[in-house]
Amino acid sequence: MSRELSLAEIFQLGYYWETKILLTAVKLDVFSAIGEQSRDLDDIAGRLRANAPTLSLLLNALVAMKLLTKEGESYRNSSTALKHLVRHSPQYVGHLLLLHDAEWNNWGQLEETVRTGNRSVDRHVFETDPELGGNVLAVLNRIGQQSGPDFAKRLKLVGRERLLDLGGGVGTNAIAFCQVYPELRATVFDLPATLKLTEKTVKEAGLESRISLQSGDFNRDQLGGPYDVVLMSDILHYQTFQMNQDLVAKAVVSLAPGGRLIIKDRFLDEAGTGPAWTTAFTIHILINTQHGGCYKTSEAMQWLAHAGCVSTEELEKTAVVQGVKP
């Protein structure tokens, strides 16, 4: 039996103060301004062209949040901030935080959206700010490079020769899969603007002879094939139920007999109350997309069955489902 929240915990859930302090610091690029040295307030303020007295309040809050340290009147980055929040660091994740800051005003529309059912967003921020979108994809690619090979191994694709990575972004999964399975050749299907970044990452991986790029709109254009495996990774939560059902059917058509359609996404449980992170992500999708949503595993299985798949199964709970074409 789970315990009830304390009053202090309720207040902690309701306070967004520290979140906005961090997002503002990243947007101002405070951590890069400090860099690897210890700097005093006037130095930092001069670098940021910020008002020193008000900046000091922000810096002191960041000290309390353990992102900065302070000795006398000088500030220094913590090791975590130096690794992840200084722009020139190879492990910089600030672009992902800048995305959340760009979505800040959308969250202010949550009450109205819940009351009316009408969404205030007609285009995702990736469409309105392509540069930010590209930077975020680069961060996600770096994170995915760590988990991609293990994911590929868990899927056991030995003997499969042709993979379609549908909506494959910068090719993170296609690269990982080709590295794990030497006999595999992959096609990354995505929008033309995204594939400009994909071409770069594929070349950096030295896999341009095994990974091809196909530009288009997967809801409108043909997918090619036949493929032994079609992978849909984290693309369906941007679409409606009917759009997903139609896309799954199209993907199955592109499979060779006995081919596998693998869907990886953030699925809800049958009650819709878990996993906890996904229930919050559902609200994120509600207010930041025109018509996206999170779906239950059973709904994904329904799409697969409707498309004529056999042997549909949940490979990883609320994360990965699969259907096999007859």
Protein backbone atom coordinates (compact mmCIF):
# COMPACT_ATOMS: atom_id res chain seq x y z
CA MET A 1 0.00 0.00 0.00
CA SER A 2 1.49 3.35 -1.06
CA ARG A 3 1.76 6.11 1.52
CA GLU A 4 0.00 9.46 1.18
CA LEU A 5 1.93 12.59 0.33
CA SER A 6 2.85 14.96 3.13
CA LEU A 7 1.90 18.63 2.99
CA ALA A 8 5.55 19.52 2.39
CA GLU A 9 5.65 17.16 -0.59
CA ILE A 10 2.48 18.70 -2.01
CA PHE A 11 4.06 22.14 -1.82
CA GLN A 12 7.22 20.80 -3.44
CA LEU A 13 5.18 19.48 -6.36
CA GLY A 14 3.47 22.84 -6.73
CA TYR A 15 6.58 24.99 -6.68
CA TYR A 16 8.05 25.53 -10.15
CA TRP A 17 10.53 28.11 -8.87
CA GLU A 18 13.71 26.05 -9.16
CA THR A 19 12.70 24.80 -12.60
CA LYS A 20 12.40 28.33 -13.99
CA ILE A 21 15.59 29.43 -12.23
CA LEU A 22 17.52 26.65 -13.99
CA LEU A 23 15.88 27.28 -17.39
CA THR A 24 16.63 30.99 -17.13
CA ALA A 25 20.25 30.33 -16.20
CA VAL A 26 20.64 28.08 -19.24
CA LYS A 27 18.97 30.62 -21.51
CA LEU A 28 21.28 33.37 -20.21
CA ASP A 29 24.17 30.89 -20.61
CA VAL A 30 25.35 31.56 -17.06
CA PHE A 31 27.33 28.33 -16.80
CA SER A 32 29.27 29.00 -20.01
CA ALA A 33 30.05 32.54 -18.84
CA ILE A 34 31.64 31.14 -15.69
CA GLY A 35 33.36 28.28 -17.52
CA GLU A 36 36.18 26.44 -15.77
CA GLN A 37 37.34 29.37 -13.64
CA SER A 38 36.17 31.05 -10.47
CA ARG A 39 34.63 34.43 -11.36
CA ASP A 40 33.27 37.33 -9.36
CA LEU A 41 29.83 38.85 -9.85
CA ASP A 42 30.93 41.87 -11.90
CA ASP A 43 32.90 39.65 -14.28
CA ILE A 44 29.94 37.34 -14.87
CA ALA A 45 27.51 40.26 -15.20
CA GLY A 46 29.78 41.90 -17.75
CA ARG A 47 30.03 38.74 -19.81
CA LEU A 48 26.24 38.30 -19.78
CA ARG A 49 25.42 42.02 -20.09
CA ALA A 50 23.16 41.53 -17.09
CA ASN A 51 22.29 43.67 -14.09
CA ALA A 52 24.71 42.65 -11.33
CA PRO A 53 22.41 43.04 -8.28
CA THR A 54 19.59 40.95 -9.79
CA LEU A 55 22.02 38.46 -11.31
CA SER A 56 23.47 37.89 -7.84
CA LEU A 57 20.09 36.66 -6.64
CA LEU A 58 19.97 34.13 -9.47
CA LEU A 59 23.54 32.98 -8.85
CA ASN A 60 22.93 32.54 -5.13
CA ALA A 61 19.86 30.44 -5.86
CA LEU A 62 21.96 28.27 -8.19
CA VAL A 63 24.45 27.82 -5.35
CA ALA A 64 21.64 26.61 -3.09
CA MET A 65 20.56 24.25 -5.87
CA LYS A 66 24.12 22.83 -5.92
CA LEU A 67 24.77 23.84 -9.52
CA LEU A 68 27.29 26.52 -8.49
CA THR A 69 29.62 26.93 -5.52
CA LYS A 70 30.55 30.23 -3.89
CA GLU A 71 33.71 31.22 -2.05
CA GLY A 72 33.79 34.79 -0.78
CA GLU A 73 32.37 36.81 -3.66
CA SER A 74 33.39 34.38 -6.41
CA TYR A 75 31.31 31.72 -8.13
CA ARG A 76 32.39 28.45 -9.72
CA ASN A 77 30.55 25.74 -11.66
CA SER A 78 29.89 22.44 -9.92
CA SER A 79 31.35 19.38 -11.64
CA THR A 80 27.86 18.49 -12.90
CA ALA A 81 27.27 21.95 -14.34
CA LEU A 82 30.72 21.95 -15.91
CA LYS A 83 29.99 18.62 -17.60
CA HIS A 84 26.41 19.17 -18.75
CA LEU A 85 25.62 22.91 -18.76
CA VAL A 86 28.71 24.59 -20.23
CA ARG A 87 28.07 25.00 -23.93
CA HIS A 88 31.45 23.80 -25.24
CA SER A 89 31.31 20.56 -23.23
CA PRO A 90 30.84 17.37 -25.31
CA GLN A 91 28.17 16.34 -22.77
CA TYR A 92 26.18 19.60 -22.98
CA VAL A 93 22.42 19.08 -22.58
CA GLY A 94 21.38 22.71 -22.46
CA HIS A 95 19.61 22.56 -25.83
CA LEU A 96 17.11 20.11 -24.37
CA LEU A 97 16.47 22.48 -21.47
CA LEU A 98 16.10 25.38 -23.93
CA LEU A 99 13.36 23.36 -25.62
CA HIS A 100 11.49 23.15 -22.32
CA ASP A 101 11.92 26.88 -21.82
CA ALA A 102 10.53 27.49 -25.32
CA GLU A 103 7.45 25.51 -24.29
CA TRP A 104 6.99 27.47 -21.05
CA ASN A 105 4.13 29.66 -22.30
CA ASN A 106 2.28 26.61 -23.61
CA TRP A 107 2.14 25.23 -20.09
CA GLY A 108 0.42 28.45 -19.07
CA GLN A 109 -2.45 27.42 -21.35
CA LEU A 110 -3.05 24.09 -19.59
CA GLU A 111 -6.08 25.27 -17.60
CA GLU A 112 -7.79 26.64 -20.71
CA THR A 113 -6.99 23.46 -22.65
CA VAL A 114 -8.47 21.27 -19.92
CA ARG A 115 -11.58 23.45 -19.66
CA THR A 116 -12.30 23.65 -23.37
CA GLY A 117 -10.52 20.69 -24.94
CA ASN A 118 -9.05 23.10 -27.48
CA ARG A 119 -5.30 23.11 -28.04
CA SER A 120 -3.48 26.42 -28.36
CA VAL A 121 -0.60 25.01 -30.44
CA ASP A 122 -0.91 24.48 -34.18
CA ARG A 123 2.76 23.67 -34.84
CA HIS A 124 5.44 21.97 -32.77
CA VAL A 125 8.36 24.17 -31.72
CA PHE A 126 10.64 22.10 -33.98
CA GLU A 127 8.71 23.58 -36.92
CA THR A 128 8.79 27.15 -35.63
CA ASP A 129 12.45 26.97 -34.54
CA PRO A 130 14.32 24.48 -36.78
CA GLU A 131 17.72 25.43 -35.34
CA LEU A 132 16.60 24.54 -31.82
CA GLY A 133 15.06 21.33 -33.17
CA GLY A 134 18.33 20.35 -34.79
CA ASN A 135 20.28 21.04 -31.62
CA VAL A 136 17.84 18.97 -29.55
CA LEU A 137 18.13 16.07 -32.00
CA ALA A 138 21.90 16.23 -31.59
CA VAL A 139 21.55 15.94 -27.79
CA LEU A 140 19.07 13.06 -28.10
CA ASN A 141 21.41 11.36 -30.55
CA ARG A 142 24.27 11.52 -28.05
CA ILE A 143 22.05 10.08 -25.31
CA GLY A 144 20.71 7.42 -27.67
CA GLN A 145 24.21 6.32 -28.63
CA GLN A 146 24.56 4.92 -25.12
CA SER A 147 21.30 2.94 -25.09
CA GLY A 148 20.96 2.06 -28.79
CA PRO A 149 23.30 -0.96 -28.96
CA ASP A 150 21.66 -2.69 -25.99
CA PHE A 151 18.23 -2.06 -27.51
CA ALA A 152 19.40 -3.57 -30.79
CA LYS A 153 20.73 -6.67 -29.04
CA ARG A 154 17.48 -7.18 -27.12
CA LEU A 155 15.54 -7.29 -30.40
CA LYS A 156 17.61 -10.23 -31.71
CA LEU A 157 17.77 -9.29 -35.38
CA VAL A 158 20.35 -11.85 -36.48
CA GLY A 159 19.54 -13.00 -40.02
CA ARG A 160 17.61 -9.84 -40.91
CA GLU A 161 19.12 -7.88 -43.78
CA ARG A 162 16.97 -4.79 -44.48
CA LEU A 163 15.79 -2.33 -41.84
CA LEU A 164 13.55 0.72 -42.28
CA ASP A 165 13.98 3.26 -39.48
CA LEU A 166 10.76 5.21 -39.97
CA GLY A 167 10.96 8.77 -38.73
CA GLY A 168 14.50 7.84 -37.74
CA GLY A 169 15.73 11.35 -36.98
CA VAL A 170 19.49 11.67 -37.21
CA GLY A 171 19.89 7.91 -37.57
CA THR A 172 20.70 7.02 -33.97
CA ASN A 173 18.98 3.63 -34.05
CA ALA A 174 19.97 2.79 -37.62
CA ILE A 175 23.63 3.41 -36.75
CA ALA A 176 23.45 1.38 -33.54
CA PHE A 177 21.67 -1.51 -35.25
CA CYS A 178 24.17 -1.63 -38.14
CA GLN A 179 27.04 -1.60 -35.67
CA VAL A 180 25.56 -4.55 -33.76
CA TYR A 181 24.55 -6.55 -36.86
CA PRO A 182 27.23 -6.45 -39.59
CA GLU A 183 24.91 -8.02 -42.19
CA LEU A 184 22.22 -5.36 -41.76
CA ARG A 185 21.56 -2.51 -44.19
CA ALA A 186 19.24 0.32 -43.13
CA THR A 187 17.13 3.09 -44.61
CA VAL A 188 16.34 6.17 -42.54
CA PHE A 189 13.08 7.81 -43.62
CA ASP A 190 12.46 11.36 -42.42
CA LEU A 191 11.80 14.93 -43.51
CA PRO A 192 14.38 16.58 -45.81
CA ALA A 193 15.52 19.12 -43.20
CA THR A 194 16.18 16.37 -40.66
CA LEU A 195 18.08 14.22 -43.15
CA LYS A 196 20.66 16.98 -43.60
CA LEU A 197 21.70 16.23 -40.01
CA THR A 198 21.32 12.49 -40.55
CA GLU A 199 23.76 12.54 -43.43
CA LYS A 200 26.37 14.09 -41.16
CA THR A 201 25.96 11.56 -38.32
CA VAL A 202 25.95 8.60 -40.71
CA LYS A 203 29.19 9.80 -42.31
CA GLU A 204 30.76 10.35 -38.90
CA ALA A 205 29.90 6.73 -38.06
CA GLY A 206 31.46 5.56 -41.33
CA LEU A 207 28.27 3.80 -42.38
CA GLU A 208 27.24 5.70 -45.51
CA SER A 209 27.69 2.50 -47.58
CA ARG A 210 25.15 0.63 -45.42
CA ILE A 211 22.68 3.33 -44.41
CA SER A 212 20.65 5.10 -47.09
CA LEU A 213 18.43 8.15 -46.61
CA GLN A 214 14.90 8.52 -47.93
CA SER A 215 13.18 11.89 -47.60
CA GLY A 216 9.45 12.38 -47.42
CA ASP A 217 6.34 12.61 -45.27
CA PHE A 218 5.62 9.12 -43.97
CA ASN A 219 1.91 9.85 -43.68
CA ARG A 220 1.68 10.73 -47.38
CA ASP A 221 4.56 9.13 -49.26
CA GLN A 222 5.39 5.53 -50.10
CA LEU A 223 7.89 3.81 -47.85
CA GLY A 224 9.62 1.50 -50.31
CA GLY A 225 10.64 -2.01 -49.38
CA PRO A 226 10.29 -4.86 -48.94
CA TYR A 227 12.00 -4.72 -45.54
CA ASP A 228 12.74 -7.46 -43.04
CA VAL A 229 12.22 -5.05 -40.14
CA VAL A 230 10.42 -1.73 -39.79
CA LEU A 231 11.18 0.26 -36.65
CA MET A 232 8.94 3.06 -35.39
CA SER A 233 10.73 4.69 -32.48
CA ASP A 234 9.08 7.52 -30.54
CA ILE A 235 7.10 8.96 -33.44
CA LEU A 236 3.51 7.87 -32.80
CA HIS A 237 2.84 10.10 -29.78
CA TYR A 238 2.86 13.09 -32.13
CA GLN A 239 -0.15 11.75 -34.08
CA THR A 240 -3.83 10.89 -33.72
CA PHE A 241 -5.12 7.35 -33.21
CA GLN A 242 -6.36 7.15 -36.81
CA MET A 243 -3.12 8.52 -38.25
CA ASN A 244 -1.20 5.87 -36.35
CA GLN A 245 -3.51 3.09 -37.44
CA ASP A 246 -3.08 4.13 -41.06
CA LEU A 247 0.69 4.46 -40.73
CA VAL A 248 1.04 1.04 -39.12
CA ALA A 249 -0.98 -0.48 -41.99
CA LYS A 250 1.28 1.26 -44.52
CA ALA A 251 4.39 -0.01 -42.72
CA VAL A 252 3.12 -3.58 -42.75
CA VAL A 253 2.59 -3.34 -46.53
CA SER A 254 6.28 -2.41 -46.87
CA LEU A 255 7.37 -5.56 -44.99
CA ALA A 256 8.42 -8.80 -46.64
CA PRO A 257 6.47 -11.92 -45.58
CA GLY A 258 7.59 -12.84 -42.07
CA GLY A 259 8.88 -9.30 -41.52
CA ARG A 260 8.73 -7.65 -38.10
CA LEU A 261 7.16 -4.29 -37.28
CA ILE A 262 8.60 -3.01 -34.00
CA ILE A 263 7.04 -0.02 -32.24
CA LYS A 264 8.94 1.67 -29.44
CA ASP A 265 7.11 4.47 -27.66
CA ARG A 266 5.94 5.75 -24.30
CA PHE A 267 2.84 3.65 -23.71
CA LEU A 268 0.34 3.95 -20.86
CA ASP A 269 -0.91 1.01 -18.83
CA GLU A 270 -4.52 -0.10 -19.18
CA ALA A 271 -5.73 2.15 -16.36
CA GLY A 272 -3.97 5.15 -17.89
CA THR A 273 -2.37 5.97 -14.52
CA GLY A 274 1.12 4.68 -15.16
CA PRO A 275 3.99 4.70 -15.67
CA ALA A 276 4.08 7.94 -13.69
CA TRP A 277 6.52 9.70 -16.03
CA THR A 278 4.36 8.82 -19.05
CA THR A 279 1.22 10.27 -17.48
CA ALA A 280 3.05 13.60 -17.12
CA PHE A 281 4.45 13.24 -20.65
CA THR A 282 0.85 12.86 -21.86
CA ILE A 283 0.11 16.37 -20.57
CA HIS A 284 3.30 17.64 -22.21
CA ILE A 285 2.11 16.24 -25.54
CA LEU A 286 -1.39 17.65 -24.99
CA ILE A 287 -0.21 21.24 -24.72
CA ASN A 288 2.77 21.17 -27.06
CA THR A 289 1.38 19.41 -30.14
CA GLN A 290 -1.54 19.98 -32.45
CA HIS A 291 -3.03 16.51 -32.13
CA GLY A 292 -0.58 14.14 -30.42
CA GLY A 293 -1.23 11.82 -27.52
CA CYS A 294 0.09 8.88 -25.54
CA TYR A 295 -1.58 5.54 -26.17
CA LYS A 296 -2.02 2.28 -24.34
CA THR A 297 -0.08 -0.82 -25.27
CA SER A 298 -3.38 -2.50 -26.16
CA GLU A 299 -4.12 0.24 -28.68
CA ALA A 300 -0.77 -0.32 -30.39
CA MET A 301 -1.55 -4.04 -30.50
CA GLN A 302 -4.90 -3.13 -32.03
CA TRP A 303 -3.15 -1.20 -34.83
CA LEU A 304 -0.92 -4.20 -35.53
CA ALA A 305 -3.84 -6.65 -35.61
CA HIS A 306 -5.88 -4.32 -37.80
CA ALA A 307 -2.97 -4.24 -40.27
CA GLY A 308 -3.02 -8.04 -40.47
CA CYS A 309 -0.06 -8.85 -38.24
CA VAL A 310 0.19 -12.19 -36.48
CA SER A 311 2.07 -13.04 -33.29
CA THR A 312 1.57 -9.57 -31.84
CA GLU A 313 3.30 -9.23 -28.48
CA GLU A 314 4.59 -6.77 -25.93
CA LEU A 315 8.37 -7.17 -25.95
CA GLU A 316 9.04 -4.64 -23.18
CA LYS A 317 6.33 -3.47 -20.80
CA THR A 318 4.77 -0.12 -21.79
CA ALA A 319 7.72 0.44 -24.12
CA VAL A 320 8.02 -1.95 -27.09
CA VAL A 321 5.45 -3.95 -29.05
CA GLN A 322 5.86 -6.11 -32.15
CA GLY A 323 3.79 -7.62 -34.91
CA VAL A 324 4.85 -10.12 -37.56
CA LYS A 325 3.54 -10.02 -41.12
CA PRO A 326 2.13 -13.38 -42.33
